Amino acid sequence: MKIVMLGAPGAGKGTQAKMIASKYHIPHISTGDIFRANIKEGTELGNKAKGYMDQGLLVPDELVVDLVVDRLTWDDAKEGYVLDGFPRTIPQAEALTKALAEKNEVLDHAINIEIPDQNIIERMGGRRACVACGATYHIVNIPPQIEGKCDKCGAELILRDDDKPETVRKRLEVYHDQTQPLIDYYGNEGVLKEVDGTVDMADVFAAICNILDA
């Protein structure tokens, strides 16, 4: 079962990807994790990626594809995987399709979590992060026991710059410009499935499971 997760920043892709990985016993593969692992291990690809990241530059598509395709060859991915954060662009999607075709494989599902921009702005604006241990909360969905204080270590909770409305709006603009076309791409490939991301997290997961079990 080979799955790509799609959706805007804050749509809940990562959370759902982890739940899918746990239920179906396949690895949850995120580009961030791949970068960190390769950089930590000092691989050739990791060192190349680090060179770009240290300069504050985006890692080029070709290098991102190489890192991901290499990860898909690991033993734990033989029965499938759920990709989170990749592909982000049409060239990346085309490269993934080509790499799979070379092994006589195809993607099974591209699952898009649909949610209006305003919902995302409100959702991310409610996030709070611990300045000390990094634990995350949400003032409505996962509130701390004491307002403004971390349950785990008692340190202060903050609204990260990434989650401020003006930053979220900019991230959404980038998403609509670069990543939204992937929805059309996978629609044309015949593997796109869409779920309502405005409902409860458990209901989103139930809808995804219905798709995967069909």
N, C-alpha and C. Protein backbone atom coordinates (compact mmCIF):
# COMPACT_ATOMS: atom_id res chain seq x y z
N MET A 1 0.85 -1.19 0.00
CA MET A 1 0.00 0.00 0.00
C MET A 1 0.89 1.25 0.00
N LYS A 2 0.93 1.93 -1.12
CA LYS A 2 1.79 3.10 -1.27
C LYS A 2 0.90 4.35 -1.30
N ILE A 3 1.11 5.22 -0.32
CA ILE A 3 0.21 6.35 -0.10
C ILE A 3 0.98 7.66 -0.05
N VAL A 4 0.41 8.69 -0.67
CA VAL A 4 0.92 10.05 -0.55
C VAL A 4 -0.16 10.86 0.17
N MET A 5 0.25 11.63 1.18
CA MET A 5 -0.68 12.51 1.88
C MET A 5 -0.56 13.93 1.32
N LEU A 6 -1.71 14.52 0.99
CA LEU A 6 -1.76 15.89 0.49
C LEU A 6 -2.62 16.74 1.42
N GLY A 7 -2.38 18.03 1.37
CA GLY A 7 -3.18 18.94 2.19
C GLY A 7 -2.34 20.13 2.59
N ALA A 8 -3.00 21.22 2.91
CA ALA A 8 -2.31 22.46 3.27
C ALA A 8 -1.59 22.33 4.60
N PRO A 9 -0.64 23.24 4.89
CA PRO A 9 -0.01 23.25 6.21
C PRO A 9 -1.09 23.39 7.29
N GLY A 10 -1.05 22.54 8.30
CA GLY A 10 -2.05 22.61 9.36
C GLY A 10 -3.29 21.79 9.11
N ALA A 11 -3.33 21.07 7.97
CA ALA A 11 -4.52 20.25 7.66
C ALA A 11 -4.53 18.94 8.46
N GLY A 12 -3.39 18.60 9.06
CA GLY A 12 -3.33 17.39 9.86
C GLY A 12 -2.74 16.19 9.15
N LYS A 13 -2.01 16.43 8.05
CA LYS A 13 -1.42 15.33 7.27
C LYS A 13 -0.50 14.45 8.12
N GLY A 14 0.39 15.11 8.87
CA GLY A 14 1.37 14.38 9.65
C GLY A 14 0.73 13.48 10.69
N THR A 15 -0.28 14.02 11.39
CA THR A 15 -0.98 13.24 12.41
C THR A 15 -1.67 12.03 11.79
N GLN A 16 -2.35 12.25 10.68
CA GLN A 16 -3.06 11.15 10.02
C GLN A 16 -2.07 10.13 9.45
N ALA A 17 -0.94 10.61 8.92
CA ALA A 17 0.07 9.71 8.36
C ALA A 17 0.61 8.77 9.44
N LYS A 18 0.85 9.30 10.64
CA LYS A 18 1.34 8.47 11.75
C LYS A 18 0.31 7.42 12.14
N MET A 19 -0.97 7.81 12.15
CA MET A 19 -2.03 6.87 12.51
C MET A 19 -2.17 5.77 11.46
N ILE A 20 -2.05 6.15 10.19
CA ILE A 20 -2.10 5.17 9.10
C ILE A 20 -0.93 4.19 9.23
N ALA A 21 0.26 4.74 9.47
CA ALA A 21 1.46 3.90 9.60
C ALA A 21 1.30 2.88 10.73
N SER A 22 0.73 3.33 11.84
CA SER A 22 0.55 2.45 12.99
C SER A 22 -0.47 1.35 12.71
N LYS A 23 -1.59 1.72 12.11
CA LYS A 23 -2.65 0.73 11.88
C LYS A 23 -2.27 -0.29 10.81
N TYR A 24 -1.62 0.17 9.74
CA TYR A 24 -1.35 -0.71 8.60
C TYR A 24 0.08 -1.26 8.59
N HIS A 25 0.85 -0.94 9.64
CA HIS A 25 2.21 -1.48 9.81
C HIS A 25 3.11 -1.18 8.61
N ILE A 26 3.06 0.07 8.19
CA ILE A 26 3.95 0.53 7.12
C ILE A 26 4.67 1.78 7.65
N PRO A 27 5.86 2.09 7.13
CA PRO A 27 6.59 3.26 7.65
C PRO A 27 5.96 4.59 7.25
N HIS A 28 5.99 5.53 8.19
CA HIS A 28 5.61 6.92 7.93
C HIS A 28 6.89 7.63 7.51
N ILE A 29 6.94 8.04 6.26
CA ILE A 29 8.16 8.63 5.71
C ILE A 29 7.94 10.12 5.46
N SER A 30 8.66 10.95 6.20
CA SER A 30 8.58 12.39 6.00
C SER A 30 9.93 12.90 5.53
N THR A 31 9.91 13.90 4.66
CA THR A 31 11.17 14.42 4.13
C THR A 31 12.04 14.97 5.25
N GLY A 32 11.42 15.60 6.24
CA GLY A 32 12.18 16.15 7.36
C GLY A 32 12.97 15.06 8.08
N ASP A 33 12.32 13.92 8.34
CA ASP A 33 13.00 12.80 9.00
C ASP A 33 14.14 12.26 8.14
N ILE A 34 13.90 12.17 6.83
CA ILE A 34 14.93 11.66 5.92
C ILE A 34 16.15 12.59 5.93
N PHE A 35 15.90 13.91 5.85
CA PHE A 35 17.01 14.87 5.89
C PHE A 35 17.82 14.70 7.17
N ARG A 36 17.11 14.68 8.31
CA ARG A 36 17.79 14.60 9.60
C ARG A 36 18.62 13.32 9.72
N ALA A 37 18.03 12.18 9.28
CA ALA A 37 18.74 10.89 9.38
C ALA A 37 19.99 10.88 8.52
N ASN A 38 19.89 11.38 7.29
CA ASN A 38 21.03 11.37 6.38
C ASN A 38 22.12 12.35 6.83
N ILE A 39 21.70 13.49 7.38
CA ILE A 39 22.68 14.46 7.88
C ILE A 39 23.40 13.90 9.11
N LYS A 40 22.63 13.26 9.99
CA LYS A 40 23.21 12.68 11.20
C LYS A 40 24.22 11.58 10.86
N GLU A 41 23.87 10.76 9.85
CA GLU A 41 24.74 9.65 9.46
C GLU A 41 25.88 10.09 8.55
N GLY A 42 25.83 11.36 8.09
CA GLY A 42 26.91 11.88 7.26
C GLY A 42 26.98 11.25 5.88
N THR A 43 25.81 10.84 5.35
CA THR A 43 25.81 10.24 4.01
C THR A 43 26.12 11.31 2.96
N GLU A 44 26.49 10.84 1.77
CA GLU A 44 26.81 11.78 0.69
C GLU A 44 25.60 12.67 0.38
N LEU A 45 24.42 12.05 0.27
CA LEU A 45 23.21 12.82 0.00
C LEU A 45 22.90 13.78 1.15
N GLY A 46 23.10 13.30 2.38
CA GLY A 46 22.85 14.13 3.56
C GLY A 46 23.75 15.35 3.60
N ASN A 47 25.03 15.15 3.28
CA ASN A 47 25.97 16.28 3.27
C ASN A 47 25.61 17.30 2.20
N LYS A 48 25.14 16.80 1.04
CA LYS A 48 24.70 17.72 -0.02
C LYS A 48 23.50 18.55 0.46
N ALA A 49 22.53 17.87 1.08
CA ALA A 49 21.33 18.57 1.57
C ALA A 49 21.70 19.61 2.63
N LYS A 50 22.62 19.23 3.53
CA LYS A 50 23.05 20.13 4.60
C LYS A 50 23.67 21.40 4.04
N GLY A 51 24.42 21.24 2.95
CA GLY A 51 25.04 22.41 2.32
C GLY A 51 24.02 23.45 1.90
N TYR A 52 22.90 23.00 1.35
CA TYR A 52 21.84 23.94 0.96
C TYR A 52 21.14 24.51 2.19
N MET A 53 20.81 23.63 3.14
CA MET A 53 20.05 24.06 4.32
C MET A 53 20.84 25.06 5.17
N ASP A 54 22.16 24.85 5.26
CA ASP A 54 22.99 25.76 6.04
C ASP A 54 23.02 27.17 5.44
N GLN A 55 22.76 27.25 4.14
CA GLN A 55 22.72 28.56 3.47
C GLN A 55 21.31 29.15 3.46
N GLY A 56 20.37 28.41 4.08
CA GLY A 56 18.98 28.87 4.09
C GLY A 56 18.29 28.70 2.75
N LEU A 57 18.82 27.79 1.93
CA LEU A 57 18.25 27.55 0.60
C LEU A 57 17.37 26.31 0.61
N LEU A 58 16.40 26.26 -0.30
CA LEU A 58 15.59 25.06 -0.47
C LEU A 58 16.46 23.96 -1.10
N VAL A 59 16.28 22.75 -0.62
CA VAL A 59 17.01 21.62 -1.22
C VAL A 59 16.41 21.37 -2.60
N PRO A 60 17.22 21.31 -3.66
CA PRO A 60 16.70 21.15 -5.02
C PRO A 60 15.88 19.86 -5.19
N ASP A 61 14.91 19.92 -6.10
CA ASP A 61 14.03 18.77 -6.36
C ASP A 61 14.80 17.48 -6.59
N GLU A 62 15.84 17.58 -7.42
CA GLU A 62 16.59 16.38 -7.80
C GLU A 62 17.18 15.66 -6.58
N LEU A 63 17.71 16.45 -5.64
CA LEU A 63 18.32 15.89 -4.43
C LEU A 63 17.24 15.33 -3.49
N VAL A 64 16.13 16.05 -3.36
CA VAL A 64 15.02 15.57 -2.52
C VAL A 64 14.53 14.22 -3.06
N VAL A 65 14.36 14.14 -4.37
CA VAL A 65 13.88 12.89 -5.00
C VAL A 65 14.86 11.75 -4.72
N ASP A 66 16.16 12.03 -4.88
CA ASP A 66 17.17 11.00 -4.63
C ASP A 66 17.08 10.47 -3.20
N LEU A 67 16.91 11.39 -2.24
CA LEU A 67 16.82 11.00 -0.83
C LEU A 67 15.59 10.14 -0.57
N VAL A 68 14.45 10.56 -1.13
CA VAL A 68 13.21 9.82 -0.90
C VAL A 68 13.24 8.46 -1.58
N VAL A 69 13.67 8.42 -2.84
CA VAL A 69 13.71 7.15 -3.58
C VAL A 69 14.66 6.17 -2.89
N ASP A 70 15.77 6.67 -2.37
CA ASP A 70 16.69 5.81 -1.61
C ASP A 70 15.98 5.24 -0.37
N ARG A 71 15.20 6.07 0.31
CA ARG A 71 14.49 5.61 1.52
C ARG A 71 13.47 4.53 1.19
N LEU A 72 12.87 4.59 0.02
CA LEU A 72 11.84 3.62 -0.38
C LEU A 72 12.42 2.23 -0.66
N THR A 73 13.76 2.14 -0.74
CA THR A 73 14.39 0.85 -0.99
C THR A 73 14.67 0.07 0.30
N TRP A 74 14.44 0.71 1.46
CA TRP A 74 14.71 0.03 2.73
C TRP A 74 13.74 -1.14 2.91
N ASP A 75 14.18 -2.13 3.68
CA ASP A 75 13.38 -3.34 3.89
C ASP A 75 12.01 -3.04 4.48
N ASP A 76 11.94 -2.06 5.38
CA ASP A 76 10.66 -1.80 6.06
C ASP A 76 9.60 -1.24 5.11
N ALA A 77 10.02 -0.80 3.92
CA ALA A 77 9.08 -0.19 2.96
C ALA A 77 8.63 -1.18 1.88
N LYS A 78 9.01 -2.44 2.02
CA LYS A 78 8.67 -3.43 0.99
C LYS A 78 7.16 -3.62 0.84
N GLU A 79 6.43 -3.52 1.95
CA GLU A 79 4.98 -3.73 1.92
C GLU A 79 4.21 -2.43 1.70
N GLY A 80 4.94 -1.33 1.56
CA GLY A 80 4.29 -0.04 1.35
C GLY A 80 4.79 1.02 2.31
N TYR A 81 4.20 2.21 2.23
CA TYR A 81 4.63 3.35 3.04
C TYR A 81 3.60 4.46 2.89
N VAL A 82 3.69 5.42 3.80
CA VAL A 82 2.86 6.62 3.67
C VAL A 82 3.81 7.82 3.64
N LEU A 83 3.80 8.56 2.53
CA LEU A 83 4.68 9.70 2.32
C LEU A 83 4.02 10.98 2.81
N ASP A 84 4.75 11.74 3.62
CA ASP A 84 4.22 12.95 4.24
C ASP A 84 5.21 14.09 3.94
N GLY A 85 4.75 15.10 3.19
CA GLY A 85 5.64 16.22 2.86
C GLY A 85 6.38 16.03 1.55
N PHE A 86 6.05 14.97 0.85
CA PHE A 86 6.63 14.69 -0.47
C PHE A 86 5.60 13.90 -1.26
N PRO A 87 5.41 14.21 -2.54
CA PRO A 87 6.03 15.32 -3.28
C PRO A 87 5.35 16.65 -2.95
N ARG A 88 6.11 17.72 -3.14
CA ARG A 88 5.57 19.07 -2.91
C ARG A 88 5.33 19.81 -4.22
N THR A 89 5.94 19.34 -5.29
CA THR A 89 5.83 20.02 -6.59
C THR A 89 5.55 18.99 -7.68
N ILE A 90 5.10 19.48 -8.82
CA ILE A 90 4.84 18.59 -9.96
C ILE A 90 6.12 17.86 -10.40
N PRO A 91 7.27 18.53 -10.53
CA PRO A 91 8.48 17.79 -10.90
C PRO A 91 8.80 16.65 -9.93
N GLN A 92 8.59 16.88 -8.63
CA GLN A 92 8.82 15.82 -7.65
C GLN A 92 7.84 14.67 -7.87
N ALA A 93 6.57 14.99 -8.13
CA ALA A 93 5.57 13.96 -8.36
C ALA A 93 5.90 13.15 -9.61
N GLU A 94 6.31 13.83 -10.66
CA GLU A 94 6.67 13.14 -11.91
C GLU A 94 7.88 12.23 -11.70
N ALA A 95 8.85 12.72 -10.90
CA ALA A 95 10.04 11.91 -10.63
C ALA A 95 9.69 10.68 -9.80
N LEU A 96 8.75 10.82 -8.86
CA LEU A 96 8.31 9.68 -8.06
C LEU A 96 7.60 8.66 -8.95
N THR A 97 6.71 9.12 -9.82
CA THR A 97 6.00 8.23 -10.74
C THR A 97 6.99 7.46 -11.60
N LYS A 98 8.01 8.17 -12.09
CA LYS A 98 9.03 7.54 -12.95
C LYS A 98 9.83 6.49 -12.17
N ALA A 99 10.23 6.84 -10.94
CA ALA A 99 11.03 5.92 -10.11
C ALA A 99 10.24 4.65 -9.80
N LEU A 100 8.94 4.80 -9.52
CA LEU A 100 8.09 3.64 -9.25
C LEU A 100 7.92 2.80 -10.52
N ALA A 101 7.72 3.47 -11.65
CA ALA A 101 7.51 2.76 -12.92
C ALA A 101 8.72 1.91 -13.28
N GLU A 102 9.90 2.40 -12.93
CA GLU A 102 11.13 1.64 -13.23
C GLU A 102 11.18 0.33 -12.45
N LYS A 103 10.40 0.25 -11.35
CA LYS A 103 10.33 -0.98 -10.56
C LYS A 103 9.00 -1.70 -10.79
N ASN A 104 8.29 -1.27 -11.86
CA ASN A 104 6.96 -1.82 -12.17
C ASN A 104 5.99 -1.65 -11.00
N GLU A 105 6.06 -0.50 -10.35
CA GLU A 105 5.18 -0.19 -9.23
C GLU A 105 4.41 1.10 -9.53
N VAL A 106 3.28 1.26 -8.83
CA VAL A 106 2.49 2.49 -8.96
C VAL A 106 2.04 2.94 -7.57
N LEU A 107 1.69 4.20 -7.46
CA LEU A 107 1.12 4.72 -6.23
C LEU A 107 -0.33 4.22 -6.11
N ASP A 108 -0.72 3.81 -4.91
CA ASP A 108 -2.09 3.31 -4.72
C ASP A 108 -3.09 4.42 -4.42
N HIS A 109 -2.68 5.35 -3.55
CA HIS A 109 -3.61 6.41 -3.14
C HIS A 109 -2.87 7.73 -2.91
N ALA A 110 -3.47 8.83 -3.36
CA ALA A 110 -3.05 10.17 -2.96
C ALA A 110 -4.25 10.74 -2.20
N ILE A 111 -4.10 10.88 -0.89
CA ILE A 111 -5.22 11.30 -0.04
C ILE A 111 -5.08 12.77 0.30
N ASN A 112 -6.06 13.56 -0.14
CA ASN A 112 -6.06 15.00 0.11
C ASN A 112 -7.01 15.33 1.24
N ILE A 113 -6.47 15.96 2.29
CA ILE A 113 -7.30 16.40 3.42
C ILE A 113 -7.75 17.83 3.11
N GLU A 114 -9.03 17.98 2.81
CA GLU A 114 -9.58 19.28 2.40
C GLU A 114 -10.00 20.08 3.63
N ILE A 115 -9.55 21.33 3.67
CA ILE A 115 -9.94 22.22 4.76
C ILE A 115 -9.78 23.67 4.30
N PRO A 116 -10.78 24.53 4.52
CA PRO A 116 -10.69 25.93 4.08
C PRO A 116 -9.54 26.66 4.79
N ASP A 117 -8.97 27.64 4.08
CA ASP A 117 -7.85 28.40 4.63
C ASP A 117 -8.19 29.01 6.00
N GLN A 118 -9.39 29.58 6.13
CA GLN A 118 -9.74 30.26 7.38
C GLN A 118 -9.73 29.29 8.56
N ASN A 119 -10.17 28.06 8.31
CA ASN A 119 -10.13 27.04 9.38
C ASN A 119 -8.70 26.77 9.81
N ILE A 120 -7.80 26.72 8.83
CA ILE A 120 -6.39 26.45 9.13
C ILE A 120 -5.77 27.60 9.93
N ILE A 121 -6.08 28.83 9.53
CA ILE A 121 -5.55 30.00 10.24
C ILE A 121 -6.00 29.98 11.69
N GLU A 122 -7.28 29.66 11.91
CA GLU A 122 -7.81 29.60 13.28
C GLU A 122 -7.21 28.42 14.05
N ARG A 123 -7.07 27.28 13.39
CA ARG A 123 -6.53 26.08 14.04
C ARG A 123 -5.08 26.30 14.47
N MET A 124 -4.26 26.84 13.56
CA MET A 124 -2.84 27.02 13.87
C MET A 124 -2.62 28.16 14.86
N GLY A 125 -3.53 29.14 14.82
CA GLY A 125 -3.42 30.24 15.78
C GLY A 125 -3.69 29.78 17.21
N GLY A 126 -4.31 28.61 17.36
CA GLY A 126 -4.59 28.08 18.69
C GLY A 126 -3.49 27.17 19.21
N ARG A 127 -2.48 26.91 18.39
CA ARG A 127 -1.38 26.04 18.83
C ARG A 127 -0.50 26.76 19.83
N ARG A 128 0.02 26.00 20.78
CA ARG A 128 0.99 26.54 21.74
C ARG A 128 2.11 25.52 21.91
N ALA A 129 3.34 26.00 22.02
CA ALA A 129 4.50 25.13 22.17
C ALA A 129 5.27 25.49 23.42
N CYS A 130 5.82 24.47 24.08
CA CYS A 130 6.62 24.68 25.28
C CYS A 130 8.01 25.18 24.88
N VAL A 131 8.45 26.26 25.53
CA VAL A 131 9.76 26.83 25.20
C VAL A 131 10.90 25.93 25.67
N ALA A 132 10.62 25.04 26.64
CA ALA A 132 11.68 24.20 27.21
C ALA A 132 11.75 22.82 26.57
N CYS A 133 10.62 22.06 26.59
CA CYS A 133 10.70 20.66 26.14
C CYS A 133 10.09 20.44 24.75
N GLY A 134 9.44 21.47 24.19
CA GLY A 134 8.90 21.35 22.84
C GLY A 134 7.54 20.70 22.73
N ALA A 135 6.94 20.31 23.87
CA ALA A 135 5.59 19.71 23.84
C ALA A 135 4.61 20.69 23.22
N THR A 136 3.62 20.17 22.48
CA THR A 136 2.66 21.04 21.80
C THR A 136 1.25 20.84 22.34
N TYR A 137 0.50 21.92 22.32
CA TYR A 137 -0.87 21.94 22.81
C TYR A 137 -1.75 22.73 21.84
N HIS A 138 -3.05 22.72 22.10
CA HIS A 138 -3.98 23.57 21.37
C HIS A 138 -4.98 24.10 22.38
N ILE A 139 -5.22 25.40 22.36
CA ILE A 139 -6.04 26.02 23.41
C ILE A 139 -7.47 25.49 23.43
N VAL A 140 -7.93 24.91 22.30
CA VAL A 140 -9.28 24.33 22.25
C VAL A 140 -9.23 22.80 22.29
N ASN A 141 -8.42 22.21 21.40
CA ASN A 141 -8.43 20.75 21.23
C ASN A 141 -7.61 19.99 22.26
N ILE A 142 -6.42 20.51 22.59
CA ILE A 142 -5.55 19.84 23.57
C ILE A 142 -5.03 20.90 24.55
N PRO A 143 -5.89 21.46 25.39
CA PRO A 143 -5.44 22.53 26.28
C PRO A 143 -4.55 21.99 27.41
N PRO A 144 -3.61 22.81 27.88
CA PRO A 144 -2.81 22.40 29.04
C PRO A 144 -3.67 22.45 30.30
N GLN A 145 -3.26 21.75 31.33
CA GLN A 145 -4.04 21.74 32.58
C GLN A 145 -4.07 23.11 33.23
N ILE A 146 -2.92 23.82 33.15
CA ILE A 146 -2.85 25.19 33.65
C ILE A 146 -2.56 26.09 32.45
N GLU A 147 -3.40 27.08 32.23
CA GLU A 147 -3.27 27.94 31.06
C GLU A 147 -1.87 28.57 30.97
N GLY A 148 -1.25 28.41 29.80
CA GLY A 148 0.05 29.02 29.55
C GLY A 148 1.23 28.26 30.12
N LYS A 149 0.96 27.09 30.75
CA LYS A 149 2.05 26.31 31.35
C LYS A 149 2.06 24.89 30.79
N CYS A 150 3.26 24.34 30.57
CA CYS A 150 3.40 22.99 30.04
C CYS A 150 3.07 21.95 31.10
N ASP A 151 2.26 20.97 30.74
CA ASP A 151 1.90 19.88 31.66
C ASP A 151 3.13 19.06 32.06
N LYS A 152 4.07 18.93 31.12
CA LYS A 152 5.20 18.02 31.34
C LYS A 152 6.30 18.64 32.20
N CYS A 153 6.61 19.91 31.94
CA CYS A 153 7.75 20.49 32.67
C CYS A 153 7.44 21.82 33.35
N GLY A 154 6.23 22.37 33.13
CA GLY A 154 5.83 23.60 33.82
C GLY A 154 6.34 24.88 33.19
N ALA A 155 7.09 24.76 32.08
CA ALA A 155 7.63 25.95 31.42
C ALA A 155 6.54 26.70 30.65
N GLU A 156 6.89 27.89 30.18
CA GLU A 156 5.94 28.76 29.48
C GLU A 156 5.58 28.20 28.11
N LEU A 157 4.31 28.38 27.73
CA LEU A 157 3.85 28.02 26.39
C LEU A 157 3.77 29.27 25.53
N ILE A 158 4.17 29.16 24.26
CA ILE A 158 4.16 30.32 23.36
C ILE A 158 3.46 29.97 22.05
N LEU A 159 3.02 31.03 21.36
CA LEU A 159 2.54 30.91 19.98
C LEU A 159 3.77 31.11 19.09
N ARG A 160 4.18 30.04 18.39
CA ARG A 160 5.38 30.14 17.56
C ARG A 160 5.15 31.08 16.37
N ASP A 161 6.23 31.68 15.89
CA ASP A 161 6.12 32.59 14.74
C ASP A 161 5.47 31.88 13.55
N ASP A 162 5.80 30.60 13.36
CA ASP A 162 5.26 29.81 12.25
C ASP A 162 3.73 29.71 12.29
N ASP A 163 3.18 29.83 13.49
CA ASP A 163 1.74 29.64 13.67
C ASP A 163 0.95 30.94 13.74
N LYS A 164 1.66 32.08 13.64
CA LYS A 164 0.97 33.37 13.68
C LYS A 164 0.20 33.57 12.38
N PRO A 165 -1.00 34.20 12.45
CA PRO A 165 -1.86 34.32 11.27
C PRO A 165 -1.17 34.85 10.02
N GLU A 166 -0.34 35.88 10.17
CA GLU A 166 0.30 36.46 8.98
C GLU A 166 1.26 35.47 8.33
N THR A 167 1.96 34.67 9.17
CA THR A 167 2.88 33.67 8.63
C THR A 167 2.11 32.54 7.97
N VAL A 168 1.03 32.12 8.61
CA VAL A 168 0.21 31.02 8.06
C VAL A 168 -0.35 31.43 6.71
N ARG A 169 -0.81 32.68 6.59
CA ARG A 169 -1.35 33.14 5.30
C ARG A 169 -0.29 33.04 4.20
N LYS A 170 0.95 33.41 4.53
CA LYS A 170 2.04 33.34 3.54
C LYS A 170 2.31 31.89 3.15
N ARG A 171 2.31 30.99 4.16
CA ARG A 171 2.55 29.57 3.88
C ARG A 171 1.44 29.00 3.00
N LEU A 172 0.21 29.45 3.24
CA LEU A 172 -0.91 28.98 2.43
C LEU A 172 -0.81 29.47 0.99
N GLU A 173 -0.32 30.70 0.82
CA GLU A 173 -0.12 31.23 -0.54
C GLU A 173 0.88 30.37 -1.31
N VAL A 174 1.99 30.02 -0.64
CA VAL A 174 3.01 29.16 -1.25
C VAL A 174 2.40 27.79 -1.58
N TYR A 175 1.61 27.27 -0.64
CA TYR A 175 0.98 25.96 -0.86
C TYR A 175 0.08 25.99 -2.09
N HIS A 176 -0.79 26.99 -2.17
CA HIS A 176 -1.73 27.06 -3.30
C HIS A 176 -1.00 27.23 -4.63
N ASP A 177 0.12 27.94 -4.58
CA ASP A 177 0.88 28.18 -5.80
C ASP A 177 1.64 26.94 -6.25
N GLN A 178 2.32 26.26 -5.30
CA GLN A 178 3.24 25.17 -5.67
C GLN A 178 2.61 23.78 -5.55
N THR A 179 1.86 23.56 -4.47
CA THR A 179 1.45 22.20 -4.13
C THR A 179 0.04 21.87 -4.56
N GLN A 180 -0.84 22.86 -4.61
CA GLN A 180 -2.22 22.62 -5.04
C GLN A 180 -2.29 21.91 -6.40
N PRO A 181 -1.40 22.25 -7.37
CA PRO A 181 -1.45 21.56 -8.67
C PRO A 181 -1.29 20.04 -8.56
N LEU A 182 -0.71 19.56 -7.45
CA LEU A 182 -0.57 18.11 -7.26
C LEU A 182 -1.93 17.42 -7.20
N ILE A 183 -2.93 18.14 -6.70
CA ILE A 183 -4.27 17.56 -6.61
C ILE A 183 -4.79 17.25 -8.02
N ASP A 184 -4.57 18.18 -8.95
CA ASP A 184 -4.96 17.94 -10.34
C ASP A 184 -4.13 16.81 -10.94
N TYR A 185 -2.82 16.79 -10.62
CA TYR A 185 -1.92 15.77 -11.16
C TYR A 185 -2.39 14.37 -10.75
N TYR A 186 -2.65 14.19 -9.46
CA TYR A 186 -3.05 12.86 -8.99
C TYR A 186 -4.51 12.54 -9.36
N GLY A 187 -5.30 13.58 -9.56
CA GLY A 187 -6.64 13.36 -10.09
C GLY A 187 -6.57 12.76 -11.49
N ASN A 188 -5.68 13.31 -12.31
CA ASN A 188 -5.50 12.80 -13.67
C ASN A 188 -4.90 11.39 -13.67
N GLU A 189 -4.11 11.09 -12.63
CA GLU A 189 -3.52 9.75 -12.51
C GLU A 189 -4.54 8.71 -12.03
N GLY A 190 -5.68 9.21 -11.54
CA GLY A 190 -6.74 8.30 -11.10
C GLY A 190 -6.57 7.73 -9.71
N VAL A 191 -5.69 8.34 -8.90
CA VAL A 191 -5.46 7.80 -7.55
C VAL A 191 -5.87 8.78 -6.44
N LEU A 192 -6.43 9.93 -6.81
CA LEU A 192 -6.78 10.94 -5.81
C LEU A 192 -8.04 10.57 -5.04
N LYS A 193 -7.96 10.68 -3.70
CA LYS A 193 -9.13 10.53 -2.83
C LYS A 193 -9.16 11.73 -1.91
N GLU A 194 -10.36 12.26 -1.65
CA GLU A 194 -10.46 13.46 -0.81
C GLU A 194 -11.31 13.19 0.42
N VAL A 195 -10.84 13.74 1.56
CA VAL A 195 -11.60 13.61 2.80
C VAL A 195 -11.79 14.99 3.42
N ASP A 196 -12.85 15.13 4.20
CA ASP A 196 -13.19 16.40 4.85
C ASP A 196 -12.32 16.57 6.10
N GLY A 197 -11.46 17.59 6.08
CA GLY A 197 -10.56 17.81 7.20
C GLY A 197 -11.11 18.71 8.28
N THR A 198 -12.37 19.17 8.11
CA THR A 198 -12.94 20.08 9.12
C THR A 198 -13.57 19.32 10.28
N VAL A 199 -13.76 18.01 10.13
CA VAL A 199 -14.41 17.23 11.19
C VAL A 199 -13.37 16.77 12.22
N ASP A 200 -13.85 16.09 13.26
CA ASP A 200 -12.97 15.59 14.32
C ASP A 200 -11.88 14.69 13.74
N MET A 201 -10.70 14.74 14.37
CA MET A 201 -9.54 13.98 13.90
C MET A 201 -9.86 12.49 13.73
N ALA A 202 -10.62 11.93 14.67
CA ALA A 202 -10.98 10.50 14.60
C ALA A 202 -11.87 10.23 13.39
N ASP A 203 -12.74 11.19 13.06
CA ASP A 203 -13.63 11.02 11.91
C ASP A 203 -12.86 11.12 10.59
N VAL A 204 -11.85 11.98 10.57
CA VAL A 204 -10.98 12.07 9.38
C VAL A 204 -10.28 10.72 9.18
N PHE A 205 -9.76 10.17 10.26
CA PHE A 205 -9.05 8.89 10.17
C PHE A 205 -9.99 7.77 9.73
N ALA A 206 -11.21 7.78 10.24
CA ALA A 206 -12.20 6.77 9.85
C ALA A 206 -12.49 6.84 8.35
N ALA A 207 -12.59 8.06 7.83
CA ALA A 207 -12.85 8.26 6.40
C ALA A 207 -11.68 7.74 5.56
N ILE A 208 -10.44 7.99 6.06
CA ILE A 208 -9.25 7.50 5.35
C ILE A 208 -9.22 5.97 5.35
N CYS A 209 -9.54 5.38 6.50
CA CYS A 209 -9.53 3.91 6.61
C CYS A 209 -10.56 3.29 5.66
N ASN A 210 -11.70 3.94 5.50
CA ASN A 210 -12.73 3.45 4.58
C ASN A 210 -12.18 3.40 3.15
N ILE A 211 -11.38 4.40 2.81
CA ILE A 211 -10.76 4.45 1.48
C ILE A 211 -9.73 3.33 1.32
N LEU A 212 -8.88 3.17 2.34
CA LEU A 212 -7.79 2.21 2.25
C LEU A 212 -8.30 0.77 2.31
N ASP A 213 -9.42 0.55 2.99
CA ASP A 213 -9.95 -0.80 3.15
C ASP A 213 -10.90 -1.21 2.04
N ALA A 214 -11.24 -0.25 1.17
CA ALA A 214 -12.22 -0.53 0.11
C ALA A 214 -11.69 -1.56 -0.88
